[in-house]
Amino acid sequence: MNKAELVAAMAEKSELSKKDAEKALKAFIEITTDTLKKKGTVQLIGFGTFSAVDKPARTGVNPATGEKIKIKKSVAPKFKAGKALKDAVNKKKK
């Protein structure tokens, strides 16, 4: 599912216009991004938690040349699925 399909599905499910559904999705993305930039978390009980994790500087290897390279420290976004989401995805069809 791409963004346009997600917006259309959100609009249908929530009975919002596609324009309003797109605004809501855009706001969610912006708020989540801003929160993660500040190393905060966004927790949606039952769905999951978005967080930012520190990745330390490390030495890597260029696979093409075998040369050692230094990889700078960074912050990476992380998502941990909640129990309700895991259960829903793993539920067996009857």
N, C-alpha and C. Protein backbone atom coordinates (compact mmCIF):
# COMPACT_ATOMS: atom_id res chain seq x y z
N MET A 1 0.85 -1.17 0.00
CA MET A 1 0.00 0.00 0.00
C MET A 1 0.90 1.24 0.00
N ASN A 2 0.64 2.13 -0.94
CA ASN A 2 1.41 3.37 -0.98
C ASN A 2 0.62 4.48 -0.26
N LYS A 3 1.19 5.67 -0.24
CA LYS A 3 0.58 6.77 0.51
C LYS A 3 -0.81 7.11 -0.01
N ALA A 4 -0.98 7.18 -1.32
CA ALA A 4 -2.28 7.52 -1.90
C ALA A 4 -3.33 6.48 -1.53
N GLU A 5 -2.95 5.21 -1.56
CA GLU A 5 -3.88 4.14 -1.19
C GLU A 5 -4.22 4.21 0.30
N LEU A 6 -3.22 4.54 1.12
CA LEU A 6 -3.46 4.68 2.56
C LEU A 6 -4.42 5.83 2.83
N VAL A 7 -4.22 6.96 2.17
CA VAL A 7 -5.10 8.12 2.35
C VAL A 7 -6.53 7.76 1.93
N ALA A 8 -6.68 7.06 0.82
CA ALA A 8 -8.01 6.67 0.35
C ALA A 8 -8.68 5.72 1.34
N ALA A 9 -7.92 4.77 1.88
CA ALA A 9 -8.47 3.82 2.85
C ALA A 9 -8.85 4.54 4.15
N MET A 10 -8.00 5.48 4.59
CA MET A 10 -8.30 6.25 5.80
C MET A 10 -9.57 7.08 5.60
N ALA A 11 -9.69 7.69 4.44
CA ALA A 11 -10.86 8.51 4.14
C ALA A 11 -12.13 7.67 4.17
N GLU A 12 -12.08 6.49 3.57
CA GLU A 12 -13.25 5.61 3.54
C GLU A 12 -13.61 5.11 4.93
N LYS A 13 -12.61 4.67 5.68
CA LYS A 13 -12.85 4.09 7.01
C LYS A 13 -13.36 5.14 8.00
N SER A 14 -12.85 6.36 7.91
CA SER A 14 -13.20 7.41 8.88
C SER A 14 -14.32 8.32 8.40
N GLU A 15 -14.76 8.12 7.17
CA GLU A 15 -15.79 8.96 6.55
C GLU A 15 -15.35 10.42 6.46
N LEU A 16 -14.06 10.62 6.28
CA LEU A 16 -13.50 11.96 6.03
C LEU A 16 -13.30 12.10 4.53
N SER A 17 -13.11 13.35 4.09
CA SER A 17 -12.74 13.55 2.70
C SER A 17 -11.29 13.11 2.53
N LYS A 18 -10.91 12.81 1.30
CA LYS A 18 -9.52 12.42 1.06
C LYS A 18 -8.58 13.55 1.47
N LYS A 19 -9.00 14.78 1.25
CA LYS A 19 -8.18 15.94 1.60
C LYS A 19 -7.95 15.99 3.12
N ASP A 20 -9.02 15.77 3.89
CA ASP A 20 -8.89 15.80 5.35
C ASP A 20 -8.07 14.61 5.86
N ALA A 21 -8.26 13.44 5.24
CA ALA A 21 -7.48 12.25 5.62
C ALA A 21 -5.99 12.49 5.34
N GLU A 22 -5.70 13.12 4.21
CA GLU A 22 -4.30 13.41 3.88
C GLU A 22 -3.70 14.41 4.86
N LYS A 23 -4.47 15.41 5.27
CA LYS A 23 -4.01 16.38 6.28
C LYS A 23 -3.70 15.67 7.60
N ALA A 24 -4.57 14.75 8.00
CA ALA A 24 -4.38 14.01 9.25
C ALA A 24 -3.13 13.15 9.18
N LEU A 25 -2.94 12.46 8.07
CA LEU A 25 -1.74 11.62 7.90
C LEU A 25 -0.48 12.48 7.90
N LYS A 26 -0.52 13.60 7.20
CA LYS A 26 0.63 14.50 7.14
C LYS A 26 0.96 15.03 8.54
N ALA A 27 -0.06 15.39 9.30
CA ALA A 27 0.16 15.89 10.67
C ALA A 27 0.78 14.80 11.54
N PHE A 28 0.28 13.56 11.43
CA PHE A 28 0.84 12.46 12.20
C PHE A 28 2.32 12.25 11.86
N ILE A 29 2.64 12.27 10.59
CA ILE A 29 4.03 12.08 10.16
C ILE A 29 4.92 13.20 10.68
N GLU A 30 4.47 14.45 10.57
CA GLU A 30 5.26 15.59 11.03
C GLU A 30 5.48 15.56 12.54
N ILE A 31 4.42 15.27 13.30
CA ILE A 31 4.53 15.23 14.75
C ILE A 31 5.46 14.10 15.19
N THR A 32 5.30 12.94 14.56
CA THR A 32 6.17 11.80 14.90
C THR A 32 7.62 12.12 14.56
N THR A 33 7.87 12.70 13.40
CA THR A 33 9.23 13.06 13.00
C THR A 33 9.84 14.07 13.96
N ASP A 34 9.09 15.12 14.30
CA ASP A 34 9.60 16.14 15.23
C ASP A 34 9.90 15.53 16.60
N THR A 35 9.05 14.64 17.07
CA THR A 35 9.26 14.00 18.36
C THR A 35 10.52 13.14 18.33
N LEU A 36 10.71 12.37 17.26
CA LEU A 36 11.89 11.51 17.15
C LEU A 36 13.18 12.33 17.02
N LYS A 37 13.10 13.48 16.37
CA LYS A 37 14.27 14.37 16.26
C LYS A 37 14.74 14.81 17.64
N LYS A 38 13.77 14.95 18.57
CA LYS A 38 14.09 15.35 19.95
C LYS A 38 14.37 14.14 20.82
N LYS A 39 14.49 12.96 20.20
CA LYS A 39 14.75 11.68 20.86
C LYS A 39 13.63 11.28 21.81
N GLY A 40 12.42 11.72 21.49
CA GLY A 40 11.25 11.32 22.27
C GLY A 40 10.64 10.05 21.68
N THR A 41 9.51 9.65 22.24
CA THR A 41 8.80 8.48 21.73
C THR A 41 7.35 8.82 21.48
N VAL A 42 6.74 8.11 20.55
CA VAL A 42 5.32 8.21 20.27
C VAL A 42 4.76 6.82 20.51
N GLN A 43 3.92 6.70 21.54
CA GLN A 43 3.38 5.39 21.92
C GLN A 43 1.89 5.35 21.65
N LEU A 44 1.49 4.40 20.82
CA LEU A 44 0.09 4.18 20.52
C LEU A 44 -0.27 2.82 21.11
N ILE A 45 -0.91 2.83 22.28
CA ILE A 45 -1.21 1.61 23.01
C ILE A 45 -1.94 0.62 22.09
N GLY A 46 -1.44 -0.59 22.05
CA GLY A 46 -2.03 -1.64 21.22
C GLY A 46 -1.47 -1.68 19.81
N PHE A 47 -0.96 -0.56 19.32
CA PHE A 47 -0.41 -0.52 17.96
C PHE A 47 1.10 -0.66 18.00
N GLY A 48 1.77 0.24 18.72
CA GLY A 48 3.22 0.16 18.81
C GLY A 48 3.84 1.46 19.26
N THR A 49 5.17 1.45 19.32
CA THR A 49 5.92 2.60 19.80
C THR A 49 6.99 2.99 18.79
N PHE A 50 7.01 4.27 18.44
CA PHE A 50 8.06 4.83 17.60
C PHE A 50 9.08 5.46 18.54
N SER A 51 10.36 5.19 18.33
CA SER A 51 11.40 5.79 19.16
C SER A 51 12.63 6.06 18.32
N ALA A 52 13.58 6.78 18.91
CA ALA A 52 14.85 7.08 18.25
C ALA A 52 15.96 6.41 19.06
N VAL A 53 16.84 5.71 18.38
CA VAL A 53 17.94 5.02 19.06
C VAL A 53 19.28 5.54 18.52
N ASP A 54 20.24 5.67 19.44
CA ASP A 54 21.57 6.11 19.05
C ASP A 54 22.35 4.95 18.46
N LYS A 55 22.99 5.19 17.34
CA LYS A 55 23.89 4.22 16.72
C LYS A 55 25.30 4.76 16.89
N PRO A 56 26.17 4.06 17.62
CA PRO A 56 27.52 4.57 17.86
C PRO A 56 28.37 4.57 16.60
N ALA A 57 29.43 5.38 16.61
CA ALA A 57 30.39 5.37 15.51
C ALA A 57 31.06 4.01 15.48
N ARG A 58 31.37 3.54 14.29
CA ARG A 58 31.98 2.22 14.18
C ARG A 58 32.81 2.14 12.91
N THR A 59 33.58 1.08 12.82
CA THR A 59 34.38 0.84 11.63
C THR A 59 33.67 -0.19 10.78
N GLY A 60 33.55 0.08 9.50
CA GLY A 60 32.92 -0.84 8.57
C GLY A 60 33.89 -1.20 7.47
N VAL A 61 33.43 -2.03 6.56
CA VAL A 61 34.26 -2.46 5.43
C VAL A 61 33.51 -2.19 4.14
N ASN A 62 34.18 -1.53 3.20
CA ASN A 62 33.62 -1.31 1.87
C ASN A 62 33.60 -2.66 1.16
N PRO A 63 32.43 -3.20 0.83
CA PRO A 63 32.39 -4.54 0.24
C PRO A 63 33.04 -4.62 -1.15
N ALA A 64 33.08 -3.51 -1.85
CA ALA A 64 33.66 -3.53 -3.19
C ALA A 64 35.19 -3.58 -3.15
N THR A 65 35.79 -2.86 -2.18
CA THR A 65 37.25 -2.76 -2.16
C THR A 65 37.89 -3.47 -0.97
N GLY A 66 37.10 -3.77 0.04
CA GLY A 66 37.64 -4.38 1.25
C GLY A 66 38.29 -3.35 2.17
N GLU A 67 38.25 -2.10 1.78
CA GLU A 67 38.87 -1.02 2.55
C GLU A 67 38.04 -0.73 3.81
N LYS A 68 38.72 -0.49 4.93
CA LYS A 68 38.03 -0.13 6.17
C LYS A 68 37.61 1.32 6.10
N ILE A 69 36.38 1.58 6.56
CA ILE A 69 35.86 2.94 6.56
C ILE A 69 35.27 3.25 7.93
N LYS A 70 35.26 4.54 8.29
CA LYS A 70 34.67 4.97 9.54
C LYS A 70 33.24 5.38 9.27
N ILE A 71 32.32 4.85 10.08
CA ILE A 71 30.92 5.20 9.97
C ILE A 71 30.59 6.09 11.16
N LYS A 72 30.06 7.29 10.86
CA LYS A 72 29.76 8.26 11.92
C LYS A 72 28.61 7.79 12.79
N LYS A 73 28.57 8.30 14.02
CA LYS A 73 27.44 8.00 14.89
C LYS A 73 26.19 8.64 14.29
N SER A 74 25.05 8.04 14.57
CA SER A 74 23.79 8.56 14.03
C SER A 74 22.63 8.19 14.95
N VAL A 75 21.49 8.72 14.62
CA VAL A 75 20.26 8.40 15.34
C VAL A 75 19.34 7.74 14.31
N ALA A 76 18.78 6.58 14.67
CA ALA A 76 17.92 5.85 13.75
C ALA A 76 16.52 5.71 14.33
N PRO A 77 15.49 5.85 13.49
CA PRO A 77 14.13 5.62 13.97
C PRO A 77 13.90 4.12 14.17
N LYS A 78 13.05 3.79 15.15
CA LYS A 78 12.77 2.39 15.45
C LYS A 78 11.27 2.27 15.74
N PHE A 79 10.69 1.15 15.33
CA PHE A 79 9.28 0.88 15.63
C PHE A 79 9.18 -0.49 16.29
N LYS A 80 8.50 -0.53 17.42
CA LYS A 80 8.26 -1.79 18.11
C LYS A 80 6.76 -2.02 18.13
N ALA A 81 6.32 -3.10 17.50
CA ALA A 81 4.89 -3.40 17.42
C ALA A 81 4.33 -3.74 18.79
N GLY A 82 3.11 -3.30 19.04
CA GLY A 82 2.41 -3.60 20.28
C GLY A 82 1.77 -4.98 20.23
N LYS A 83 1.38 -5.48 21.38
CA LYS A 83 0.82 -6.83 21.48
C LYS A 83 -0.44 -6.99 20.64
N ALA A 84 -1.34 -6.02 20.68
CA ALA A 84 -2.59 -6.13 19.91
C ALA A 84 -2.31 -6.22 18.42
N LEU A 85 -1.35 -5.46 17.93
CA LEU A 85 -0.99 -5.50 16.51
C LEU A 85 -0.38 -6.86 16.16
N LYS A 86 0.54 -7.33 16.99
CA LYS A 86 1.15 -8.64 16.76
C LYS A 86 0.10 -9.73 16.72
N ASP A 87 -0.82 -9.68 17.70
CA ASP A 87 -1.87 -10.70 17.77
C ASP A 87 -2.77 -10.65 16.53
N ALA A 88 -3.12 -9.44 16.09
CA ALA A 88 -3.99 -9.29 14.93
C ALA A 88 -3.32 -9.82 13.66
N VAL A 89 -2.03 -9.54 13.50
CA VAL A 89 -1.30 -9.98 12.32
C VAL A 89 -1.11 -11.50 12.32
N ASN A 90 -0.94 -12.08 13.50
CA ASN A 90 -0.69 -13.51 13.61
C ASN A 90 -1.95 -14.36 13.77
N LYS A 91 -3.10 -13.72 13.83
CA LYS A 91 -4.36 -14.44 14.02
C LYS A 91 -4.61 -15.34 12.80
N LYS A 92 -4.91 -16.58 13.06
CA LYS A 92 -5.15 -17.52 11.97
C LYS A 92 -6.55 -17.32 11.40
N LYS A 93 -6.63 -17.42 10.08
CA LYS A 93 -7.94 -17.29 9.41
C LYS A 93 -8.70 -18.60 9.59
N LYS A 94 -10.01 -18.48 9.76
CA LYS A 94 -10.86 -19.68 9.94
C LYS A 94 -11.43 -20.15 8.63
